[in-house]
PDB file of N, CA and C in Angstrom:
ATOM      1  N   MET A   1     -28.861 -42.665  23.529  1.00  0.00           N
ATOM      2  CA  MET A   1     -27.581 -41.421  22.939  1.00  0.00           C
ATOM      3  C   MET A   1     -27.382 -40.926  24.259  1.00  0.00           C
ATOM      4  N   TYR A   2     -26.381 -40.548  24.345  1.00  0.00           N
ATOM      5  CA  TYR A   2     -25.793 -39.663  25.152  1.00  0.00           C
ATOM      6  C   TYR A   2     -25.655 -38.433  24.746  1.00  0.00           C
ATOM      7  N   ALA A   3     -25.626 -37.729  25.523  1.00  0.00           N
ATOM      8  CA  ALA A   3     -25.919 -35.717  25.267  1.00  0.00           C
ATOM      9  C   ALA A   3     -24.754 -35.142  26.061  1.00  0.00           C
ATOM     10  N   PHE A   4     -24.204 -34.596  25.735  1.00  0.00           N
ATOM     11  CA  PHE A   4     -23.163 -33.899  26.609  1.00  0.00           C
ATOM     12  C   PHE A   4     -23.776 -32.383  27.094  1.00  0.00           C
ATOM     13  N   GLY A   5     -22.840 -32.064  27.638  1.00  0.00           N
ATOM     14  CA  GLY A   5     -23.611 -30.334  28.247  1.00  0.00           C
ATOM     15  C   GLY A   5     -23.517 -29.599  28.042  1.00  0.00           C
ATOM     16  N   MET A   6     -23.345 -28.494  27.645  1.00  0.00           N
ATOM     17  CA  MET A   6     -23.512 -27.283  26.729  1.00  0.00           C
ATOM     18  C   MET A   6     -23.357 -26.118  27.497  1.00  0.00           C
ATOM     19  N   THR A   7     -22.356 -25.115  26.898  1.00  0.00           N
ATOM     20  CA  THR A   7     -22.043 -24.062  27.520  1.00  0.00           C
ATOM     21  C   THR A   7     -21.701 -22.898  26.641  1.00  0.00           C
ATOM     22  N   THR A   8     -22.183 -21.434  27.095  1.00  0.00           N
ATOM     23  CA  THR A   8     -21.476 -20.649  25.878  1.00  0.00           C
ATOM     24  C   THR A   8     -20.056 -19.960  26.267  1.00  0.00           C
ATOM     25  N   THR A   9     -19.341 -20.286  27.723  1.00  0.00           N
ATOM     26  CA  THR A   9     -18.065 -19.654  27.839  1.00  0.00           C
ATOM     27  C   THR A   9     -16.807 -20.136  26.868  1.00  0.00           C
ATOM     28  N   PRO A  10     -17.062 -19.381  26.467  1.00  0.00           N
ATOM     29  CA  PRO A  10     -15.167 -19.632  25.631  1.00  0.00           C
ATOM     30  C   PRO A  10     -13.985 -20.382  26.743  1.00  0.00           C
ATOM     31  N   ARG A  11     -13.046 -20.989  26.017  1.00  0.00           N
ATOM     32  CA  ARG A  11     -12.232 -21.739  26.250  1.00  0.00           C
ATOM     33  C   ARG A  11     -10.945 -21.515  25.314  1.00  0.00           C
ATOM     34  N   ARG A  12      -9.803 -21.668  26.450  1.00  0.00           N
ATOM     35  CA  ARG A  12      -8.413 -21.779  25.430  1.00  0.00           C
ATOM     36  C   ARG A  12      -7.684 -22.754  26.191  1.00  0.00           C
ATOM     37  N   SER A  13      -7.429 -23.465  25.019  1.00  0.00           N
ATOM     38  CA  SER A  13      -6.338 -24.583  25.004  1.00  0.00           C
ATOM     39  C   SER A  13      -4.950 -23.971  24.488  1.00  0.00           C
ATOM     40  N   PRO A  14      -3.959 -25.181  25.413  1.00  0.00           N
ATOM     41  CA  PRO A  14      -2.948 -25.140  24.629  1.00  0.00           C
ATOM     42  C   PRO A  14      -2.397 -25.292  23.480  1.00  0.00           C
ATOM     43  N   GLU A  15      -3.315 -26.254  22.702  1.00  0.00           N
ATOM     44  CA  GLU A  15      -2.854 -26.831  21.322  1.00  0.00           C
ATOM     45  C   GLU A  15      -3.109 -25.567  20.502  1.00  0.00           C
ATOM     46  N   SER A  16      -4.197 -24.186  20.762  1.00  0.00           N
ATOM     47  CA  SER A  16      -5.135 -23.703  20.204  1.00  0.00           C
ATOM     48  C   SER A  16      -4.829 -22.608  20.628  1.00  0.00           C
ATOM     49  N   ALA A  17      -4.569 -21.880  19.923  1.00  0.00           N
ATOM     50  CA  ALA A  17      -4.726 -19.934  20.258  1.00  0.00           C
ATOM     51  C   ALA A  17      -5.624 -19.528  20.618  1.00  0.00           C
ATOM     52  N   SER A  18      -7.006 -20.037  19.576  1.00  0.00           N
ATOM     53  CA  SER A  18      -8.386 -19.607  19.362  1.00  0.00           C
ATOM     54  C   SER A  18      -8.956 -19.809  20.724  1.00  0.00           C
ATOM     55  N   THR A  19      -9.962 -19.531  20.471  1.00  0.00           N
ATOM     56  CA  THR A  19     -11.242 -19.666  21.671  1.00  0.00           C
ATOM     57  C   THR A  19     -12.225 -20.596  21.259  1.00  0.00           C
ATOM     58  N   LYS A  20     -12.743 -21.578  22.207  1.00  0.00           N
ATOM     59  CA  LYS A  20     -13.036 -22.526  22.490  1.00  0.00           C
ATOM     60  C   LYS A  20     -14.471 -22.417  22.444  1.00  0.00           C
ATOM     61  N   VAL A  21     -15.601 -22.924  22.004  1.00  0.00           N
ATOM     62  CA  VAL A  21     -17.114 -22.655  22.725  1.00  0.00           C
ATOM     63  C   VAL A  21     -17.453 -24.451  22.019  1.00  0.00           C
ATOM     64  N   LYS A  22     -18.005 -24.163  23.745  1.00  0.00           N
ATOM     65  CA  LYS A  22     -18.632 -25.782  23.481  1.00  0.00           C
ATOM     66  C   LYS A  22     -20.364 -25.678  22.965  1.00  0.00           C
ATOM     67  N   ARG A  23     -20.552 -26.987  22.892  1.00  0.00           N
ATOM     68  CA  ARG A  23     -22.202 -27.080  22.010  1.00  0.00           C
ATOM     69  C   ARG A  23     -22.666 -28.773  22.345  1.00  0.00           C
ATOM     70  N   THR A  24     -23.305 -29.192  22.722  1.00  0.00           N
ATOM     71  CA  THR A  24     -23.811 -30.090  23.104  1.00  0.00           C
ATOM     72  C   THR A  24     -23.887 -31.231  21.343  1.00  0.00           C
ATOM     73  N   VAL A  25     -23.792 -32.251  21.787  1.00  0.00           N
ATOM     74  CA  VAL A  25     -23.843 -32.865  20.569  1.00  0.00           C
ATOM     75  C   VAL A  25     -24.311 -34.808  21.369  1.00  0.00           C
ATOM     76  N   SER A  26     -25.395 -34.998  20.715  1.00  0.00           N
ATOM     77  CA  SER A  26     -25.775 -36.913  20.809  1.00  0.00           C
ATOM     78  C   SER A  26     -24.822 -37.548  19.960  1.00  0.00           C
ATOM     79  N   ILE A  27     -24.525 -38.263  20.977  1.00  0.00           N
ATOM     80  CA  ILE A  27     -23.845 -39.538  20.047  1.00  0.00           C
ATOM     81  C   ILE A  27     -24.326 -41.068  20.368  1.00  0.00           C
ATOM     82  N   ASP A  28     -24.647 -41.712  19.147  1.00  0.00           N
ATOM     83  CA  ASP A  28     -24.996 -43.038  19.519  1.00  0.00           C
ATOM     84  C   ASP A  28     -24.222 -43.940  20.609  1.00  0.00           C
ATOM     85  N   PRO A  29     -24.555 -45.125  21.543  1.00  0.00           N
ATOM     86  CA  PRO A  29     -23.883 -45.467  22.527  1.00  0.00           C
ATOM     87  C   PRO A  29     -23.054 -46.222  21.976  1.00  0.00           C
ATOM     88  N   ASP A  30     -23.302 -47.008  20.790  1.00  0.00           N
ATOM     89  CA  ASP A  30     -22.273 -47.418  19.998  1.00  0.00           C
ATOM     90  C   ASP A  30     -20.511 -46.945  19.799  1.00  0.00           C
ATOM     91  N   VAL A  31     -20.806 -46.070  19.670  1.00  0.00           N
ATOM     92  CA  VAL A  31     -19.499 -44.987  19.783  1.00  0.00           C
ATOM     93  C   VAL A  31     -18.940 -44.922  20.357  1.00  0.00           C
ATOM     94  N   ILE A  32     -19.948 -43.956  21.127  1.00  0.00           N
ATOM     95  CA  ILE A  32     -18.595 -44.300  22.976  1.00  0.00           C
ATOM     96  C   ILE A  32     -18.481 -45.066  23.388  1.00  0.00           C
ATOM     97  N   ASP A  33     -19.213 -45.940  22.444  1.00  0.00           N
ATOM     98  CA  ASP A  33     -18.737 -47.526  23.501  1.00  0.00           C
ATOM     99  C   ASP A  33     -17.088 -47.971  23.050  1.00  0.00           C
ATOM    100  N   GLN A  34     -17.466 -47.737  21.738  1.00  0.00           N
ATOM    101  CA  GLN A  34     -16.039 -47.536  20.874  1.00  0.00           C
ATOM    102  C   GLN A  34     -14.681 -47.019  21.271  1.00  0.00           C
ATOM    103  N   LEU A  35     -15.123 -45.744  21.564  1.00  0.00           N
ATOM    104  CA  LEU A  35     -14.224 -44.489  21.883  1.00  0.00           C
ATOM    105  C   LEU A  35     -13.371 -44.528  24.149  1.00  0.00           C
ATOM    106  N   VAL A  36     -14.043 -45.858  24.495  1.00  0.00           N
ATOM    107  CA  VAL A  36     -13.831 -45.631  25.904  1.00  0.00           C
ATOM    108  C   VAL A  36     -12.469 -45.673  25.702  1.00  0.00           C
ATOM    109  N   GLY A  37     -11.882 -44.743  26.487  1.00  0.00           N
ATOM    110  CA  GLY A  37     -10.729 -45.004  27.034  1.00  0.00           C
ATOM    111  C   GLY A  37      -9.337 -43.901  26.327  1.00  0.00           C
ATOM    112  N   THR A  38     -10.757 -43.206  25.550  1.00  0.00           N
ATOM    113  CA  THR A  38      -9.786 -41.754  25.008  1.00  0.00           C
ATOM    114  C   THR A  38      -9.592 -41.036  25.622  1.00  0.00           C
ATOM    115  N   ALA A  39      -8.711 -40.610  25.748  1.00  0.00           N
ATOM    116  CA  ALA A  39      -8.081 -39.414  26.463  1.00  0.00           C
ATOM    117  C   ALA A  39      -8.770 -38.761  26.529  1.00  0.00           C
ATOM    118  N   ASN A  40      -8.449 -38.002  24.824  1.00  0.00           N
ATOM    119  CA  ASN A  40      -9.581 -36.520  25.471  1.00  0.00           C
ATOM    120  C   ASN A  40     -10.621 -36.461  24.546  1.00  0.00           C
ATOM    121  N   LEU A  41     -11.427 -36.430  24.536  1.00  0.00           N
ATOM    122  CA  LEU A  41     -12.773 -36.864  23.323  1.00  0.00           C
ATOM    123  C   LEU A  41     -13.109 -35.370  22.902  1.00  0.00           C
ATOM    124  N   SER A  42     -12.793 -34.618  23.369  1.00  0.00           N
ATOM    125  CA  SER A  42     -12.817 -32.895  22.825  1.00  0.00           C
ATOM    126  C   SER A  42     -11.584 -33.131  21.585  1.00  0.00           C
ATOM    127  N   ALA A  43     -10.306 -32.959  21.968  1.00  0.00           N
ATOM    128  CA  ALA A  43      -9.863 -33.145  21.484  1.00  0.00           C
ATOM    129  C   ALA A  43      -9.911 -34.042  19.678  1.00  0.00           C
ATOM    130  N   LEU A  44     -10.274 -35.277  19.894  1.00  0.00           N
ATOM    131  CA  LEU A  44     -10.757 -35.930  18.952  1.00  0.00           C
ATOM    132  C   LEU A  44     -11.459 -35.163  18.079  1.00  0.00           C
ATOM    133  N   VAL A  45     -12.646 -35.217  19.084  1.00  0.00           N
ATOM    134  CA  VAL A  45     -14.067 -34.456  18.076  1.00  0.00           C
ATOM    135  C   VAL A  45     -13.607 -33.012  17.331  1.00  0.00           C
ATOM    136  N   ASN A  46     -12.505 -32.577  17.640  1.00  0.00           N
ATOM    137  CA  ASN A  46     -12.535 -31.067  17.390  1.00  0.00           C
ATOM    138  C   ASN A  46     -11.051 -31.712  16.265  1.00  0.00           C
ATOM    139  N   GLU A  47     -10.515 -32.268  15.840  1.00  0.00           N
ATOM    140  CA  GLU A  47      -9.916 -32.912  14.704  1.00  0.00           C
ATOM    141  C   GLU A  47     -10.410 -33.469  13.625  1.00  0.00           C
ATOM    142  N   LEU A  48     -11.296 -34.158  14.278  1.00  0.00           N
ATOM    143  CA  LEU A  48     -12.751 -35.149  13.371  1.00  0.00           C
ATOM    144  C   LEU A  48     -13.588 -33.683  12.358  1.00  0.00           C
ATOM    145  N   LEU A  49     -13.637 -32.463  13.086  1.00  0.00           N
ATOM    146  CA  LEU A  49     -14.792 -31.397  12.211  1.00  0.00           C
ATOM    147  C   LEU A  49     -13.757 -30.716  11.722  1.00  0.00           C
ATOM    148  N   HIS A  50     -12.147 -30.511  11.775  1.00  0.00           N
ATOM    149  CA  HIS A  50     -11.304 -29.875  11.115  1.00  0.00           C
ATOM    150  C   HIS A  50     -11.066 -30.569   9.980  1.00  0.00           C
ATOM    151  N   GLU A  51     -10.887 -31.992  10.032  1.00  0.00           N
ATOM    152  CA  GLU A  51     -11.092 -32.481   8.521  1.00  0.00           C
ATOM    153  C   GLU A  51     -12.032 -32.448   8.216  1.00  0.00           C
ATOM    154  N   GLU A  52     -13.503 -32.664   8.372  1.00  0.00           N
ATOM    155  CA  GLU A  52     -14.550 -32.421   7.901  1.00  0.00           C
ATOM    156  C   GLU A  52     -14.671 -31.025   7.134  1.00  0.00           C
ATOM    157  N   ALA A  53     -14.058 -30.358   7.750  1.00  0.00           N
ATOM    158  CA  ALA A  53     -14.441 -28.389   7.515  1.00  0.00           C
ATOM    159  C   ALA A  53     -12.956 -28.677   6.453  1.00  0.00           C
ATOM    160  N   ALA A  54     -12.335 -29.171   5.765  1.00  0.00           N
ATOM    161  CA  ALA A  54     -10.653 -28.941   4.865  1.00  0.00           C
ATOM    162  C   ALA A  54     -12.175 -29.876   3.919  1.00  0.00           C
ATOM    163  N   ARG A  55     -12.205 -31.010   3.875  1.00  0.00           N
ATOM    164  CA  ARG A  55     -12.819 -31.818   3.129  1.00  0.00           C
ATOM    165  C   ARG A  55     -14.206 -31.071   2.079  1.00  0.00           C
ATOM    166  N   ARG A  56     -15.008 -30.355   2.984  1.00  0.00           N
ATOM    167  CA  ARG A  56     -15.804 -29.458   2.354  1.00  0.00           C
ATOM    168  C   ARG A  56     -15.304 -28.198   1.775  1.00  0.00           C
ATOM    169  N   GLU A  57     -14.247 -27.674   1.964  1.00  0.00           N
ATOM    170  CA  GLU A  57     -13.325 -27.271   0.915  1.00  0.00           C
ATOM    171  C   GLU A  57     -13.042 -27.589   0.086  1.00  0.00           C
ATOM    172  N   ARG A  58     -12.107 -28.690   0.141  1.00  0.00           N
ATOM    173  CA  ARG A  58     -12.023 -28.891  -0.645  1.00  0.00           C
ATOM    174  C   ARG A  58     -12.974 -29.504  -2.261  1.00  0.00           C
ATOM    175  N   ARG A  59     -14.078 -30.237  -1.578  1.00  0.00           N
ATOM    176  CA  ARG A  59     -15.154 -30.554  -2.494  1.00  0.00           C
ATOM    177  C   ARG A  59     -16.016 -29.373  -3.327  1.00  0.00           C
ATOM    178  N   ALA A  60     -15.656 -27.992  -2.365  1.00  0.00           N
ATOM    179  CA  ALA A  60     -16.822 -26.908  -2.805  1.00  0.00           C
ATOM    180  C   ALA A  60     -15.453 -26.012  -4.191  1.00  0.00           C
ATOM    181  N   ALA A  61     -14.245 -26.272  -3.922  1.00  0.00           N
ATOM    182  CA  ALA A  61     -13.181 -25.651  -4.536  1.00  0.00           C
ATOM    183  C   ALA A  61     -13.396 -26.874  -6.178  1.00  0.00           C
ATOM    184  N   LEU A  62     -13.616 -28.290  -5.800  1.00  0.00           N
ATOM    185  CA  LEU A  62     -13.532 -28.982  -7.168  1.00  0.00           C
ATOM    186  C   LEU A  62     -15.363 -29.015  -7.653  1.00  0.00           C
ATOM    187  N   ALA A  63     -16.052 -28.211  -7.133  1.00  0.00           N
ATOM    188  CA  ALA A  63     -17.068 -28.027  -7.853  1.00  0.00           C
ATOM    189  C   ALA A  63     -16.452 -26.595  -8.637  1.00  0.00           C
ATOM    190  N   GLY A  64     -15.838 -25.677  -7.979  1.00  0.00           N
ATOM    191  CA  GLY A  64     -15.841 -24.721  -8.909  1.00  0.00           C
ATOM    192  C   GLY A  64     -14.929 -24.920 -10.071  1.00  0.00           C
ATOM    193  N   LEU A  65     -13.870 -25.778  -9.868  1.00  0.00           N
ATOM    194  CA  LEU A  65     -13.289 -26.012 -10.760  1.00  0.00           C
ATOM    195  C   LEU A  65     -14.297 -26.662 -11.877  1.00  0.00           C
ATOM    196  N   LEU A  66     -14.556 -27.598 -11.541  1.00  0.00           N
ATOM    197  CA  LEU A  66     -15.774 -28.580 -12.546  1.00  0.00           C
ATOM    198  C   LEU A  66     -16.926 -27.211 -13.752  1.00  0.00           C
ATOM    199  N   GLY A  67     -17.164 -26.266 -12.730  1.00  0.00           N
ATOM    200  CA  GLY A  67     -17.856 -25.121 -12.930  1.00  0.00           C
ATOM    201  C   GLY A  67     -17.245 -25.142 -14.549  1.00  0.00           C
ATOM    202  N   GLU A  68     -15.968 -24.301 -14.083  1.00  0.00           N
ATOM    203  CA  GLU A  68     -15.126 -23.958 -14.946  1.00  0.00           C
ATOM    204  C   GLU A  68     -15.069 -24.391 -16.493  1.00  0.00           C
ATOM    205  N   LEU A  69     -14.902 -25.579 -15.888  1.00  0.00           N
ATOM    206  CA  LEU A  69     -14.275 -26.421 -17.197  1.00  0.00           C
ATOM    207  C   LEU A  69     -15.592 -26.865 -17.909  1.00  0.00           C
ATOM    208  N   GLU A  70     -16.694 -26.802 -17.277  1.00  0.00           N
ATOM    209  CA  GLU A  70     -18.016 -26.978 -18.107  1.00  0.00           C
ATOM    210  C   GLU A  70     -18.012 -25.768 -18.759  1.00  0.00           C
ATOM    211  N   ASN A  71     -17.863 -24.522 -18.326  1.00  0.00           N
ATOM    212  CA  ASN A  71     -18.235 -23.287 -19.212  1.00  0.00           C
ATOM    213  C   ASN A  71     -17.263 -23.218 -20.210  1.00  0.00           C
ATOM    214  N   ALA A  72     -16.384 -23.362 -19.715  1.00  0.00           N
ATOM    215  CA  ALA A  72     -15.173 -23.743 -20.769  1.00  0.00           C
ATOM    216  C   ALA A  72     -15.042 -24.771 -22.128  1.00  0.00           C
ATOM    217  N   VAL A  73     -15.520 -26.186 -21.400  1.00  0.00           N
ATOM    218  CA  VAL A  73     -15.436 -27.073 -22.992  1.00  0.00           C
ATOM    219  C   VAL A  73     -16.759 -27.671 -22.579  1.00  0.00           C
ATOM    220  N   GLY A  74     -17.562 -27.595 -21.988  1.00  0.00           N
ATOM    221  CA  GLY A  74     -19.101 -28.116 -22.190  1.00  0.00           C
ATOM    222  C   GLY A  74     -19.623 -29.118 -20.941  1.00  0.00           C
ATOM    223  N   PRO A  75     -20.773 -29.730 -21.212  1.00  0.00           N
ATOM    224  CA  PRO A  75     -20.370 -30.982 -20.328  1.00  0.00           C
ATOM    225  C   PRO A  75     -19.999 -32.348 -20.304  1.00  0.00           C
ATOM    226  N   ALA A  76     -19.774 -32.906 -19.683  1.00  0.00           N
ATOM    227  CA  ALA A  76     -18.794 -34.045 -19.324  1.00  0.00           C
ATOM    228  C   ALA A  76     -19.570 -35.447 -20.277  1.00  0.00           C
ATOM    229  N   ASP A  77     -18.891 -36.281 -20.767  1.00  0.00           N
ATOM    230  CA  ASP A  77     -19.628 -37.479 -21.592  1.00  0.00           C
ATOM    231  C   ASP A  77     -20.197 -38.030 -20.742  1.00  0.00           C
ATOM    232  N   GLU A  78     -21.144 -38.338 -20.148  1.00  0.00           N
ATOM    233  CA  GLU A  78     -22.083 -39.525 -19.123  1.00  0.00           C
ATOM    234  C   GLU A  78     -21.305 -40.969 -19.267  1.00  0.00           C
ATOM    235  N   THR A  79     -21.019 -41.355 -20.949  1.00  0.00           N
ATOM    236  CA  THR A  79     -20.764 -42.353 -21.153  1.00  0.00           C
ATOM    237  C   THR A  79     -18.961 -42.392 -20.299  1.00  0.00           C
ATOM    238  N   LEU A  80     -18.485 -41.346 -20.585  1.00  0.00           N
ATOM    239  CA  LEU A  80     -16.746 -41.524 -19.860  1.00  0.00           C
ATOM    240  C   LEU A  80     -17.217 -41.232 -18.398  1.00  0.00           C
ATOM    241  N   VAL A  81     -17.869 -40.871 -17.949  1.00  0.00           N
ATOM    242  CA  VAL A  81     -18.269 -40.513 -16.554  1.00  0.00           C
ATOM    243  C   VAL A  81     -18.274 -41.723 -16.042  1.00  0.00           C
ATOM    244  N   ALA A  82     -19.000 -42.588 -16.400  1.00  0.00           N
ATOM    245  CA  ALA A  82     -19.480 -43.834 -15.924  1.00  0.00           C
ATOM    246  C   ALA A  82     -18.878 -45.115 -15.913  1.00  0.00           C
ATOM    247  N   HIS A  83     -17.903 -44.669 -17.207  1.00  0.00           N
ATOM    248  CA  HIS A  83     -16.687 -45.634 -17.380  1.00  0.00           C
ATOM    249  C   HIS A  83     -15.697 -45.599 -16.483  1.00  0.00           C
ATOM    250  N   TYR A  84     -15.389 -44.404 -16.195  1.00  0.00           N
ATOM    251  CA  TYR A  84     -14.416 -44.127 -15.283  1.00  0.00           C
ATOM    252  C   TYR A  84     -14.766 -44.295 -13.662  1.00  0.00           C
ATOM    253  N   ALA A  85     -15.499 -44.109 -13.386  1.00  0.00           N
ATOM    254  CA  ALA A  85     -16.624 -43.828 -12.408  1.00  0.00           C
ATOM    255  C   ALA A  85     -16.431 -45.289 -11.468  1.00  0.00           C
ATOM    256  N   ALA A  86     -17.058 -46.726 -12.727  1.00  0.00           N
ATOM    257  CA  ALA A  86     -16.665 -47.824 -12.544  1.00  0.00           C
ATOM    258  C   ALA A  86     -15.773 -48.410 -11.862  1.00  0.00           C
ATOM    259  N   GLN A  87     -14.921 -48.053 -12.377  1.00  0.00           N
ATOM    260  CA  GLN A  87     -13.035 -48.129 -12.360  1.00  0.00           C
ATOM    261  C   GLN A  87     -12.863 -47.926 -10.621  1.00  0.00           C
ATOM    262  N   LEU A  88     -13.477 -46.773 -10.693  1.00  0.00           N
ATOM    263  CA  LEU A  88     -12.972 -46.497  -8.577  1.00  0.00           C
ATOM    264  C   LEU A  88     -13.770 -47.490  -8.038  1.00  0.00           C
ATOM    265  N   ARG A  89     -14.512 -48.328  -8.161  1.00  0.00           N
ATOM    266  CA  ARG A  89     -15.474 -48.987  -7.507  1.00  0.00           C
ATOM    267  C   ARG A  89     -14.103 -50.363  -6.590  1.00  0.00           C
TER     268      ARG A  89
END
């Protein structure tokens, strides 16, 4: 695994007015090998983390909605859940 250095010095970037924070991460060598030539690895990691944060927010919102629906109409019919889950595969 490759480990990147860490500093707590905030940084500013032109694409973002927010303060950047450096963290150390370990990345498998095969992943790094696939990213050789990536012009700005930090920007790529930042973009992917933004996408993950948004995915988690959507998942939490969906869980809240499902909880509200369950409170309003009762639990889902597991037979129907299995049927539609199988169609998504």
